Every structure is written in C-alpha cells, then in structure tokens.
C-alpha cells in the first residue's frame, strides 16, 4: 500500500515538473490555439445552414494584440449574405485559456448536393498587418446527407362522373440521400372519389437520390357527383435516419369532376318542308347553352336559319331541332312542247362524296361544358330518304318551279299506302251496293240481288 502511494506521489511530482518545464519553454512566446468547440446542428445537413463555434486561447507567456480570424469559403461550405466572417480579437493576454478563452461563432451554408462525409472548414489566422504570414487551419466538420421527399405531380386533374379512370401520383426524392420504406396514401373527405381494385395505401421500398416513384390507382367518381373541384388529402411517411424518427408529409391536391359530354343526333321526321333531328345528351355531364347547327356542305342546302338554340341539356335529356333542308341534285332535262316536264337521266355537275351519295348530313352541336369551355361536336346523320319527305332540288331550278320535289313525295305516298287505298275502295263499293240493295228491298220485298245485276247489264247495253 505504501509503495502504491509513493508511486502516485512521484508521478504527480513528475507531471508538475513537466508542466513547469513546458510553461517555461513558451513563457517568452505567443502561443495562440484555435479549436472547434461545437456546431449546430451536429452533423451539418447538406443544403442547410449550421453554426460554428470556435475557441481562441493564448497559452504563451506573451500577450497578442489584434488577432484576426477569417472564414475562407471552400466546397461544400459557402458564405451567407449579410454574415460577417472576419473577427478581430483586440487582446489575448498571456496564459489566457480554458475558462478564459475567447469564443467566436458564425453561420455557414452547406451545398445541397454534398454527400455524407467529413469536410475541412478553412479558418485563416493572422495578426493585423501581418496577413502575409497567415496560416490556414482545417476544422473537421461532419456532413450528413439530407432526406427529403415531395409529391410533385398528379397526372389527372379532370374526372368524369361514373367513369373509371387511372390517376397517377409521382413522388420525388429531392434530398441528398436515398429514401427507404415510404408509405403513401390519399383520401377524399366527401367520399365522391374512391379507389377501385385496391385500397388507397401503397408502399415504396427505395428511392435513390434524384429519383422518383410513380403510384397508379384506378378510381371512379360518384355518378351523381355535382360538377366542381374536390380536395384530395395526400399523406407520405418515411423513416428519417438523421433524426431517427418517422417523418410525415401532409399536403392537398385538387381534382375537378365534370368537363365535357357527348351527344347523339338522329333523323326524326320530315313534314311540311321541315326536317327534324333528335339531339340527346348521352354523356355524363350537363351541357349549357346548346346550339344545333347544320353547316354549309356539298349536296345539301338549308333554306332557313342554319342554327337553332335549344338551351341546356342535362345528362339523359333530349330535344328536337328542325330545319328546312333540301338535297341538291343535277339539272333536270327540259320539258316537251306541251309544257309537261319529263324527267330524264341525270348527270352530276360535280362528283359527290360517299356521304352525300348515301344521304348523310353533317350536323354540329355547340355547347358550353361545366368548366366554361365552348366546344363543338360533329355528327354524321343518316337521312332516311325512303320514309322522309326531304325535298330534292335541281341545280338551276327550284323545287317550286319544276314540281319535282312534290311528285317525289306523292310517289312515295302511293307506293307506301297503295294496299290500304285498294282495300278502302273495295269496302266503299261494297257499302254502296249494300245500301242500294236495302233501298230497293224496301220498295219491293221480292227484289233480289240478281235483279240488281240484270239492271246493271241492261244499263250498259
């Protein structure tokens, strides 16, 4: 035990002698020591700002006047606008260290693309007026890559009620270190937009620096949803390896339900020189300020106004639009000397398109969609020439002059109802004979049908 105490005392004496010896060696010199006390945050984050605190001591026996410290920017560290990076310490007394040391602090920016690692922070040291003899000391700063993600885009911003569609969310890694184990989900508080075929949560294993990941969902908006903008709440969570905690990003996006629609246009009937069309809104959205237009086109002529305003059409509604439309043909041959027109073989003055030869009429439907856009839909309408009374005019003569259109209507009428007319005539004759027979029978009870037949033959003779 005594030996142990003796050894400890000898060591203390030796340490004291060495201290006095070291102090004696620098008692006549200046010995300025600059050290890194701490940094905030530690480690520094790429793309972020951190604060450096330096300790300045004089361990020599001679005081120092006007000692200068200066930060020298070097990648990945850069200066901030408005920050002072030259510090002047007017006096450092002899043996001014430990608790009496001077503390200097300043803020530095780390480059956003810096990778994780240890970097040297350059500190220039010199006495005022002796900058040529300055020395640069490196302070080791630990930099950690920053983890950061964002939901950068949605590929679909307009959805149609009742129609299944895909919507894709893109997630970007905007940090300087890889992202792992991400969880993404979304929801619509109104329950108007819902996912189909999967739930609203998807998982991502890994996104590299500068990379992205696409998450695709199948969705259907409610068939009865009102047109308008609906909010989607977006949630992204991942593990932050720097702070050792779960990080969450909550944001919102807008999706519009509504937009354009579609129409069905069909030939309805023709009478009195007017052709009627049935216009139906067969889409999923209402149409505002609907107009039906028969544009100028070869083979057809509109003798009335070529447009008709029919108002608003909700989905499933229909209306009727009528126009005075005639189909143009070639020149009819000249009539005979008696003035009676005789139709001859016609030769077209210009070649007709396939649609014209088949009796197809182009009809346009102009409307304003729920987003305020004015749109025009083109439709090809098959005209039923056999059952319609669409007039056919000749080139160089109107239908009223030649009477061709009327003749065509009459021929069409008799060809359609000739059997009804024949039956009606037979019934009329039968009723007449029956009435005549009954009348003669009242005058002469012995009157027979053969007497009527004999009288008829005698009259013919």
Protein backbone atom coordinates (compact mmCIF):
# COMPACT_ATOMS: atom_id res chain seq x y z
CA UNK A 1 0.00 0.00 0.00
CA UNK A 2 2.87 2.35 0.91
CA UNK A 3 4.55 1.51 -2.38
CA UNK A 4 1.43 2.48 -4.32
CA UNK A 5 1.14 5.84 -2.56
CA UNK A 6 4.79 6.50 -3.16
CA UNK A 7 4.46 5.79 -6.90
CA UNK A 8 1.46 8.13 -7.21
CA UNK A 9 3.29 10.93 -5.43
CA UNK A 10 6.30 10.52 -7.69
CA UNK A 11 4.05 10.67 -10.80
CA UNK A 12 2.39 13.87 -9.57
CA UNK A 13 5.75 15.48 -8.94
CA UNK A 14 6.94 14.42 -12.39
CA UNK A 15 3.79 15.86 -14.07
CA UNK A 16 4.21 19.12 -12.17
CA UNK A 17 7.82 19.41 -13.24
CA UNK A 18 6.89 18.73 -16.89
CA UNK A 19 4.16 21.37 -16.74
CA UNK A 20 6.51 23.94 -15.33
CA UNK A 21 9.06 22.94 -17.96
CA UNK A 22 6.55 23.31 -20.82
CA UNK A 23 5.33 26.59 -19.44
CA UNK A 24 8.91 27.80 -19.09
CA UNK A 25 9.53 26.88 -22.74
CA UNK A 26 6.69 29.17 -24.02
CA UNK A 27 6.86 31.80 -21.33
CA UNK A 28 8.58 34.14 -23.70
CA UNK A 29 6.45 33.36 -26.79
CA UNK A 30 2.96 33.84 -28.20
CA UNK A 31 1.03 30.55 -28.42
CA UNK A 32 -2.42 31.11 -29.94
CA UNK A 33 -4.56 27.97 -30.23
CA UNK A 34 -7.85 27.87 -32.22
CA UNK A 35 -10.13 24.86 -31.73
CA UNK A 36 -13.63 23.77 -32.75
CA UNK A 37 -15.89 23.89 -29.74
CA UNK A 38 -19.12 22.67 -31.37
CA UNK A 39 -21.51 23.03 -34.30
CA UNK A 40 -25.30 23.25 -34.51
CA UNK A 41 -26.74 21.04 -35.86
CA UNK A 42 -24.27 18.23 -35.49
CA UNK A 43 -23.86 16.72 -38.02
CA UNK A 44 -24.46 19.52 -40.51
CA UNK A 45 -27.09 18.79 -43.16
CA UNK A 46 -26.50 19.08 -46.89
CA UNK A 47 -28.37 22.07 -48.28
CA UNK A 48 -28.85 23.55 -44.79
CA UNK A 49 -27.18 26.23 -42.63
CA UNK A 50 -25.20 25.40 -39.50
CA UNK A 51 -23.45 27.49 -36.84
CA UNK A 52 -19.76 27.03 -35.95
CA UNK A 53 -18.32 27.99 -32.52
CA UNK A 54 -14.53 28.36 -32.24
CA UNK A 55 -12.46 28.72 -29.08
CA UNK A 56 -9.39 31.03 -29.20
CA UNK A 57 -6.70 30.65 -26.46
CA UNK A 58 -3.25 32.08 -25.79
CA UNK A 59 -1.13 29.52 -23.99
CA UNK A 60 2.04 31.57 -24.31
CA UNK A 61 3.59 33.99 -21.86
CA UNK A 62 3.39 36.98 -24.26
CA UNK A 63 0.10 38.75 -24.99
CA UNK A 64 -1.30 39.08 -28.54
CA UNK A 65 -2.83 42.24 -29.95
CA UNK A 66 -5.34 42.49 -32.85
CA UNK A 67 -5.59 38.82 -33.65
CA UNK A 68 -7.67 38.11 -36.79
CA UNK A 69 -9.85 35.07 -37.63
CA UNK A 70 -11.36 34.71 -41.12
CA UNK A 71 -13.59 32.01 -42.70
CA UNK A 72 -12.42 31.07 -46.21
CA UNK A 73 -15.26 29.52 -48.29
CA UNK A 74 -14.43 26.18 -49.92
CA UNK A 75 -16.73 23.41 -51.20
CA UNK A 76 -19.05 22.28 -49.76
CA UNK A 77 -19.14 25.30 -47.43
CA UNK A 78 -20.20 28.77 -48.62
CA UNK A 79 -20.82 32.20 -47.09
CA UNK A 80 -24.24 33.67 -46.34
CA UNK A 81 -25.22 37.13 -47.50
CA UNK A 82 -25.02 39.64 -44.66
CA UNK A 83 -22.94 37.41 -42.39
CA UNK A 84 -19.58 38.73 -41.02
CA UNK A 85 -16.75 36.24 -41.49
CA UNK A 86 -13.78 38.33 -40.27
CA UNK A 87 -13.43 38.62 -36.49
CA UNK A 88 -10.89 40.81 -34.71
CA UNK A 89 -9.79 39.94 -31.16
CA UNK A 90 -8.13 43.05 -29.83
CA UNK A 91 -6.32 41.46 -26.86
CA UNK A 92 -5.32 37.95 -25.88
CA UNK A 93 -3.48 38.08 -22.58
CA UNK A 94 -0.68 35.75 -21.64
CA UNK A 95 -1.86 32.35 -20.47
CA UNK A 96 -5.49 33.16 -21.37
CA UNK A 97 -7.03 29.73 -21.90
CA UNK A 98 -9.59 27.19 -20.67
CA UNK A 99 -12.40 29.11 -18.98
CA UNK A 100 -10.91 32.45 -20.08
CA UNK A 101 -10.73 31.64 -23.79
CA UNK A 102 -12.45 33.80 -26.40
CA UNK A 103 -15.41 32.33 -28.31
CA UNK A 104 -16.09 33.22 -31.98
CA UNK A 105 -19.18 32.00 -33.90
CA UNK A 106 -20.55 32.37 -37.45
CA UNK A 107 -23.02 30.62 -39.79
CA UNK A 108 -22.12 28.66 -42.92
CA UNK A 109 -24.20 27.15 -45.75
CA UNK A 110 -23.64 23.54 -46.87
CA UNK A 111 -24.06 22.73 -50.57
CA UNK A 112 -27.30 20.85 -51.26
CA UNK A 113 -25.53 18.24 -53.39
CA UNK A 114 -22.88 17.41 -50.82
CA UNK A 115 -22.68 13.73 -49.98
CA UNK A 116 -22.32 12.43 -46.46
CA UNK A 117 -18.78 12.60 -45.05
CA UNK A 118 -16.19 14.70 -43.23
CA UNK A 119 -15.02 18.00 -44.77
CA UNK A 120 -12.42 20.62 -43.79
CA UNK A 121 -13.63 24.10 -42.81
CA UNK A 122 -10.87 26.64 -43.64
CA UNK A 123 -10.04 29.17 -40.89
CA UNK A 124 -7.42 31.80 -41.71
CA UNK A 125 -5.39 33.15 -38.72
CA UNK A 126 -3.07 36.16 -38.59
CA UNK A 127 -2.19 39.29 -36.68
CA UNK A 128 -3.46 42.53 -38.13
CA UNK A 129 -0.96 43.90 -40.65
CA UNK A 130 0.81 40.53 -40.97
CA UNK A 131 -1.63 38.78 -43.33
CA UNK A 132 1.25 37.57 -45.49
CA UNK A 133 2.30 35.27 -42.66
CA UNK A 134 -1.23 33.94 -42.12
CA UNK A 135 -1.88 30.25 -41.60
CA UNK A 136 -4.98 28.27 -42.56
CA UNK A 137 -6.27 25.71 -40.14
CA UNK A 138 -8.80 22.99 -41.14
CA UNK A 139 -11.69 22.28 -38.79
CA UNK A 140 -13.22 18.87 -39.42
CA UNK A 141 -16.99 19.17 -39.99
CA UNK A 142 -19.23 16.11 -40.35
CA UNK A 143 -21.91 16.50 -43.05
CA UNK A 144 -24.95 14.28 -43.31
CA UNK A 145 -26.99 13.92 -46.50
CA UNK A 146 -30.46 15.38 -46.04
CA UNK A 147 -33.52 13.21 -46.58
CA UNK A 148 -36.46 14.90 -48.23
CA UNK A 149 -39.37 13.80 -50.41
CA UNK A 150 -42.26 15.55 -52.11
CA UNK A 151 -45.40 14.63 -54.02
CA UNK A 152 -44.57 16.56 -57.13
CA UNK A 153 -47.40 15.88 -59.59
CA UNK A 154 -50.75 14.27 -60.37
CA UNK A 155 -51.27 13.27 -63.99
CA UNK A 156 -55.09 13.51 -64.00
CA UNK A 157 -56.90 16.66 -62.90
CA UNK A 158 -60.32 16.14 -64.57
CA UNK A 159 -62.53 13.10 -63.94
CA UNK A 160 -65.91 12.20 -65.46
CA UNK A 161 -68.70 11.05 -63.09
CA UNK A 162 -69.32 7.32 -63.19
CA UNK A 163 -66.35 6.61 -65.47
CA UNK A 164 -63.43 4.50 -64.28
CA UNK A 165 -60.11 6.21 -64.89
CA UNK A 166 -56.50 5.98 -63.77
CA UNK A 167 -54.76 8.59 -61.64
CA UNK A 168 -51.00 8.62 -61.02
CA UNK A 169 -49.06 10.27 -58.20
CA UNK A 170 -45.32 10.94 -58.63
CA UNK A 171 -43.04 11.13 -55.57
CA UNK A 172 -39.59 12.71 -55.94
CA UNK A 173 -36.53 12.35 -53.75
CA UNK A 174 -35.37 15.97 -53.52
CA UNK A 175 -32.86 15.29 -50.77
CA UNK A 176 -29.22 14.23 -50.95
CA UNK A 177 -29.58 10.73 -49.53
CA UNK A 178 -31.70 7.73 -50.51
CA UNK A 179 -35.19 7.23 -49.11
CA UNK A 180 -36.34 3.88 -47.79
CA UNK A 181 -39.60 2.34 -46.64
CA UNK A 182 -42.07 5.00 -47.75
CA UNK A 183 -45.83 4.77 -47.23
CA UNK A 184 -48.21 6.82 -49.38
CA UNK A 185 -51.99 7.21 -49.08
CA UNK A 186 -54.72 9.61 -50.18
CA UNK A 187 -58.37 10.22 -49.39
CA UNK A 188 -61.33 12.36 -50.40
CA UNK A 189 -63.29 13.52 -47.36
CA UNK A 190 -66.51 13.79 -49.39
CA UNK A 191 -66.23 10.12 -50.46
CA UNK A 192 -67.06 11.24 -54.01
CA UNK A 193 -63.79 9.85 -55.46
CA UNK A 194 -62.89 6.33 -54.39
CA UNK A 195 -60.23 3.81 -55.47
CA UNK A 196 -61.31 0.57 -57.13
CA UNK A 197 -59.35 -2.65 -57.39
CA UNK A 198 -57.08 -1.73 -54.45
CA UNK A 199 -57.05 0.30 -51.26
CA UNK A 200 -55.76 3.86 -51.02
CA UNK A 201 -52.36 2.94 -49.50
CA UNK A 202 -49.22 1.91 -51.38
CA UNK A 203 -45.65 1.20 -50.26
CA UNK A 204 -42.28 2.13 -51.78
CA UNK A 205 -39.15 0.25 -50.79
CA UNK A 206 -36.46 2.62 -52.09
CA UNK A 207 -36.00 5.91 -53.99
CA UNK A 208 -32.46 6.91 -54.94
CA UNK A 209 -31.12 10.48 -54.81
CA UNK A 210 -32.76 12.49 -57.61
CA UNK A 211 -35.06 9.57 -58.42
CA UNK A 212 -38.84 9.28 -58.37
CA UNK A 213 -41.56 6.68 -57.98
CA UNK A 214 -44.98 6.55 -59.69
CA UNK A 215 -48.02 5.20 -57.87
CA UNK A 216 -51.08 4.48 -60.02
CA UNK A 217 -54.67 3.98 -58.83
CA UNK A 218 -57.93 3.13 -60.58
CA UNK A 219 -60.68 5.48 -59.40
CA UNK A 220 -64.38 6.12 -60.11
CA UNK A 221 -66.13 9.38 -59.18
CA UNK A 222 -69.72 9.10 -57.96
CA UNK A 223 -72.21 9.01 -60.85
CA UNK A 224 -74.36 11.64 -59.14
CA UNK A 225 -71.47 13.91 -58.19
CA UNK A 226 -72.03 17.61 -58.77
CA UNK A 227 -69.59 19.30 -61.10
CA UNK A 228 -66.84 21.12 -59.24
CA UNK A 229 -63.40 20.95 -57.62
CA UNK A 230 -62.80 18.28 -54.98
CA UNK A 231 -59.94 18.08 -52.49
CA UNK A 232 -57.63 15.10 -52.12
CA UNK A 233 -55.63 14.80 -48.89
CA UNK A 234 -52.19 13.28 -49.54
CA UNK A 235 -50.07 11.57 -46.86
CA UNK A 236 -46.44 10.43 -47.19
CA UNK A 237 -44.42 8.86 -44.37
CA UNK A 238 -40.83 7.57 -44.27
CA UNK A 239 -38.10 6.89 -41.72
CA UNK A 240 -35.69 9.78 -41.13
CA UNK A 241 -32.30 8.20 -40.44
CA UNK A 242 -30.81 11.53 -39.29
CA UNK A 243 -33.32 12.25 -36.54
CA UNK A 244 -34.04 8.55 -36.00
CA UNK A 245 -37.76 9.15 -36.24
CA UNK A 246 -40.74 8.78 -38.57
CA UNK A 247 -41.26 11.78 -40.84
CA UNK A 248 -44.66 12.69 -42.30
CA UNK A 249 -45.62 14.96 -45.18
CA UNK A 250 -49.27 16.02 -45.40
CA UNK A 251 -50.48 18.07 -48.34
CA UNK A 252 -53.53 18.52 -50.56
CA UNK A 253 -54.35 18.44 -54.28
CA UNK A 254 -57.41 19.36 -56.32
CA UNK A 255 -59.28 17.18 -58.84
CA UNK A 256 -62.12 18.55 -60.95
CA UNK A 257 -65.19 16.38 -61.62
CA UNK A 258 -67.14 17.35 -64.72
CA UNK A 259 -65.98 18.67 -68.05
CA UNK A 260 -67.20 17.67 -71.50
CA UNK A 261 -70.05 15.42 -72.62
CA UNK A 262 -71.25 13.69 -75.79
CA UNK A 263 -74.37 13.77 -77.96
CA UNK A 264 -76.37 11.51 -80.22
CA UNK A 265 -78.07 13.14 -83.21
CA UNK A 266 -80.63 11.14 -85.21
CA UNK A 267 -83.06 11.89 -88.04
CA UNK A 268 -86.57 12.12 -86.59
CA UNK A 269 -89.09 13.10 -89.27
CA UNK A 270 -89.80 15.40 -92.18
CA UNK A 271 -93.04 17.21 -92.91
CA UNK A 272 -94.08 20.48 -94.49
CA UNK A 273 -90.58 21.06 -95.82
CA UNK A 274 -89.09 20.83 -92.29
CA UNK A 275 -86.58 18.15 -91.29
CA UNK A 276 -86.42 17.31 -87.58
CA UNK A 277 -83.50 15.85 -85.62
CA UNK A 278 -83.47 14.35 -82.14
CA UNK A 279 -80.50 15.61 -80.10
CA UNK A 280 -79.71 13.63 -76.92
CA UNK A 281 -77.09 14.26 -74.21
CA UNK A 282 -75.64 10.76 -73.88
CA UNK A 283 -72.62 11.82 -71.77
CA UNK A 284 -72.16 12.05 -68.01
CA UNK A 285 -72.13 15.84 -67.66
CA UNK A 286 -74.70 18.57 -68.30
CA UNK A 287 -74.35 20.79 -71.37
CA UNK A 288 -75.11 24.51 -71.21
CA UNK A 289 -76.29 26.86 -73.98
CA UNK A 290 -76.65 24.09 -76.54
CA UNK A 291 -76.99 25.07 -80.21
CA UNK A 292 -77.68 22.74 -83.14
CA UNK A 293 -76.06 23.79 -86.44
CA UNK A 294 -76.32 22.47 -89.98
CA UNK A 295 -73.11 23.80 -91.56
CA UNK A 296 -72.72 24.59 -95.25
CA UNK A 297 -71.74 21.42 -97.09
CA UNK A 298 -71.80 19.98 -100.63
CA UNK A 299 -75.00 18.16 -101.64
CA UNK A 300 -77.25 19.94 -99.11
CA UNK A 301 -78.88 23.33 -98.79
CA UNK A 302 -80.57 24.97 -95.80
CA UNK A 303 -83.30 27.39 -96.86
CA UNK A 304 -83.98 28.57 -93.30
CA UNK A 305 -81.64 29.62 -90.50
CA UNK A 306 -78.90 27.01 -90.19
CA UNK A 307 -78.63 27.18 -86.37
CA UNK A 308 -81.07 26.70 -83.52
CA UNK A 309 -80.57 27.39 -79.80
CA UNK A 310 -82.11 24.64 -77.65
CA UNK A 311 -80.89 25.77 -74.19
CA UNK A 312 -79.43 23.48 -71.50
CA UNK A 313 -79.42 19.69 -71.66
CA UNK A 314 -78.76 17.66 -68.53
CA UNK A 315 -77.35 14.17 -68.92
CA UNK A 316 -80.03 11.89 -70.34
CA UNK A 317 -82.15 14.78 -71.68
CA UNK A 318 -83.07 15.21 -75.34
CA UNK A 319 -84.70 17.80 -77.58
CA UNK A 320 -85.82 18.23 -81.19
CA UNK A 321 -84.34 20.70 -83.67
CA UNK A 322 -85.96 21.39 -87.08
CA UNK A 323 -84.54 22.92 -90.26
CA UNK A 324 -85.66 23.48 -93.84
CA UNK A 325 -83.13 21.22 -95.58
CA UNK A 326 -83.09 20.18 -99.22
CA UNK A 327 -80.78 17.78 -101.00
CA UNK A 328 -79.39 19.16 -104.27
CA UNK A 329 -79.19 17.00 -107.45
CA UNK A 330 -78.21 17.57 -111.10
CA UNK A 331 -80.02 19.54 -113.77
CA UNK A 332 -83.39 18.04 -114.88
CA UNK A 333 -83.86 17.84 -118.65
CA UNK A 334 -86.02 20.41 -120.45
CA UNK A 335 -89.79 19.69 -120.81
CA UNK A 336 -91.73 18.85 -124.01
CA UNK A 337 -93.51 21.41 -126.28
CA UNK A 338 -96.78 20.87 -124.33
CA UNK A 339 -95.11 22.27 -121.23
CA UNK A 340 -95.14 18.96 -119.31
CA UNK A 341 -91.76 18.23 -117.69
CA UNK A 342 -90.31 14.83 -118.31
CA UNK A 343 -87.52 13.59 -116.06
CA UNK A 344 -84.50 12.27 -117.92
CA UNK A 345 -81.33 10.59 -116.75
CA UNK A 346 -79.33 12.98 -114.56
CA UNK A 347 -75.64 13.65 -114.84
CA UNK A 348 -73.95 15.21 -111.77
CA UNK A 349 -72.28 18.52 -112.41
CA UNK A 350 -69.60 17.56 -109.89
CA UNK A 351 -68.65 14.23 -108.28
CA UNK A 352 -70.44 13.69 -104.96
CA UNK A 353 -68.78 12.29 -101.87
CA UNK A 354 -69.65 8.91 -100.45
CA UNK A 355 -71.57 10.52 -97.57
CA UNK A 356 -73.64 12.56 -99.97
CA UNK A 357 -74.49 9.58 -102.17
CA UNK A 358 -75.63 7.70 -99.09
CA UNK A 359 -77.71 10.64 -97.83
CA UNK A 360 -75.52 11.56 -94.84
CA UNK A 361 -75.87 15.05 -93.38
CA UNK A 362 -73.25 16.70 -91.15
CA UNK A 363 -74.76 18.27 -88.02
CA UNK A 364 -72.83 20.15 -85.33
CA UNK A 365 -73.73 20.52 -81.66
CA UNK A 366 -72.11 23.51 -79.92
CA UNK A 367 -72.26 23.76 -76.11
CA UNK A 368 -70.52 25.09 -73.00
CA UNK A 369 -69.14 22.40 -70.67
CA UNK A 370 -69.09 22.59 -66.87
CA UNK A 371 -65.60 24.14 -66.94
CA UNK A 372 -66.77 27.05 -69.07
CA UNK A 373 -65.19 25.86 -72.32
CA UNK A 374 -67.12 26.30 -75.55
CA UNK A 375 -66.95 23.05 -77.55
CA UNK A 376 -68.32 21.79 -80.87
CA UNK A 377 -69.20 18.14 -81.58
CA UNK A 378 -69.53 16.95 -85.21
CA UNK A 379 -72.07 14.23 -86.02
CA UNK A 380 -72.89 12.42 -89.28
CA UNK A 381 -76.66 11.83 -89.53
CA UNK A 382 -78.04 9.12 -91.81
CA UNK A 383 -81.02 10.61 -93.64
CA UNK A 384 -83.85 8.12 -94.28
CA UNK A 385 -84.73 9.09 -97.87
CA UNK A 386 -87.40 6.43 -98.46
CA UNK A 387 -89.52 7.32 -95.46
CA UNK A 388 -88.85 11.04 -95.39
CA UNK A 389 -90.21 13.88 -97.39
CA UNK A 390 -86.88 15.65 -97.71
CA UNK A 391 -87.19 17.70 -100.87
CA UNK A 392 -84.71 17.21 -103.70
CA UNK A 393 -83.97 20.34 -105.69
CA UNK A 394 -82.40 20.55 -109.13
CA UNK A 395 -79.36 22.58 -109.98
CA UNK A 396 -80.57 25.60 -111.93
CA UNK A 397 -84.30 25.26 -110.99
CA UNK A 398 -86.09 25.29 -107.66
CA UNK A 399 -88.49 22.62 -106.46
CA UNK A 400 -91.43 25.04 -106.60
CA UNK A 401 -90.81 25.69 -110.33
CA UNK A 402 -90.43 22.12 -111.53
CA UNK A 403 -92.68 20.42 -109.01
CA UNK A 404 -90.15 17.58 -108.82
CA UNK A 405 -90.00 17.51 -105.09
CA UNK A 406 -93.82 17.26 -104.82
CA UNK A 407 -94.02 14.47 -107.43
CA UNK A 408 -91.47 12.52 -105.46
CA UNK A 409 -93.49 12.93 -102.28
CA UNK A 410 -96.70 11.69 -104.00
CA UNK A 411 -94.97 8.69 -105.48
CA UNK A 412 -93.56 7.85 -102.13
CA UNK A 413 -97.04 8.19 -100.52
CA UNK A 414 -98.90 5.93 -103.03
CA UNK A 415 -96.13 3.36 -103.06
CA UNK A 416 -96.35 3.15 -99.28
CA UNK A 417 -100.19 3.17 -98.89
CA UNK A 418 -101.43 1.59 -102.17
CA UNK A 419 -102.78 -1.58 -100.50
CA UNK A 420 -104.62 0.47 -97.88
CA UNK A 421 -106.21 2.52 -100.68
CA UNK A 422 -107.28 -0.62 -102.59
CA UNK A 423 -108.95 -2.12 -99.53
CA UNK A 424 -110.67 1.16 -98.82
CA UNK A 425 -112.11 1.30 -102.41
CA UNK A 426 -113.41 -2.28 -102.17
CA UNK A 427 -115.10 -1.53 -98.87
CA UNK A 428 -116.61 1.62 -100.33
CA UNK A 429 -118.07 -0.31 -103.30
CA UNK A 430 -119.42 -2.99 -101.01
CA UNK A 431 -121.10 -0.42 -98.77
CA UNK A 432 -122.65 1.25 -101.84
CA UNK A 433 -124.07 -1.98 -103.20
CA UNK A 434 -125.44 -2.98 -99.80
CA UNK A 435 -127.11 0.39 -99.34
CA UNK A 436 -128.64 0.21 -102.85
CA UNK A 437 -129.94 -3.32 -102.32
CA UNK A 438 -131.57 -2.41 -98.99
CA UNK A 439 -133.23 0.61 -100.56
CA UNK A 440 -134.74 -1.46 -103.43
CA UNK A 441 -135.78 -4.17 -100.99
CA UNK A 442 -137.87 -1.72 -99.04
CA UNK A 443 -139.72 -0.70 -102.20
CA UNK A 444 -140.13 -4.24 -103.48
CA UNK A 445 -139.95 -7.10 -100.99
CA UNK A 446 -139.44 -9.57 -103.85
CA UNK A 447 -136.36 -7.72 -105.03
CA UNK A 448 -133.29 -9.96 -105.40
CA UNK A 449 -129.58 -9.35 -105.95
CA UNK A 450 -129.88 -10.82 -109.47
CA UNK A 451 -132.40 -8.10 -110.29
CA UNK A 452 -129.72 -5.53 -109.46
CA UNK A 453 -127.23 -7.33 -111.65
CA UNK A 454 -129.79 -7.51 -114.55
CA UNK A 455 -130.45 -3.78 -114.21
CA UNK A 456 -126.75 -3.10 -114.30
CA UNK A 457 -126.30 -5.14 -117.50
CA UNK A 458 -129.34 -3.51 -119.14
CA UNK A 459 -127.93 -0.04 -118.37
CA UNK A 460 -124.61 -0.94 -120.00
CA UNK A 461 -126.48 -2.10 -123.17
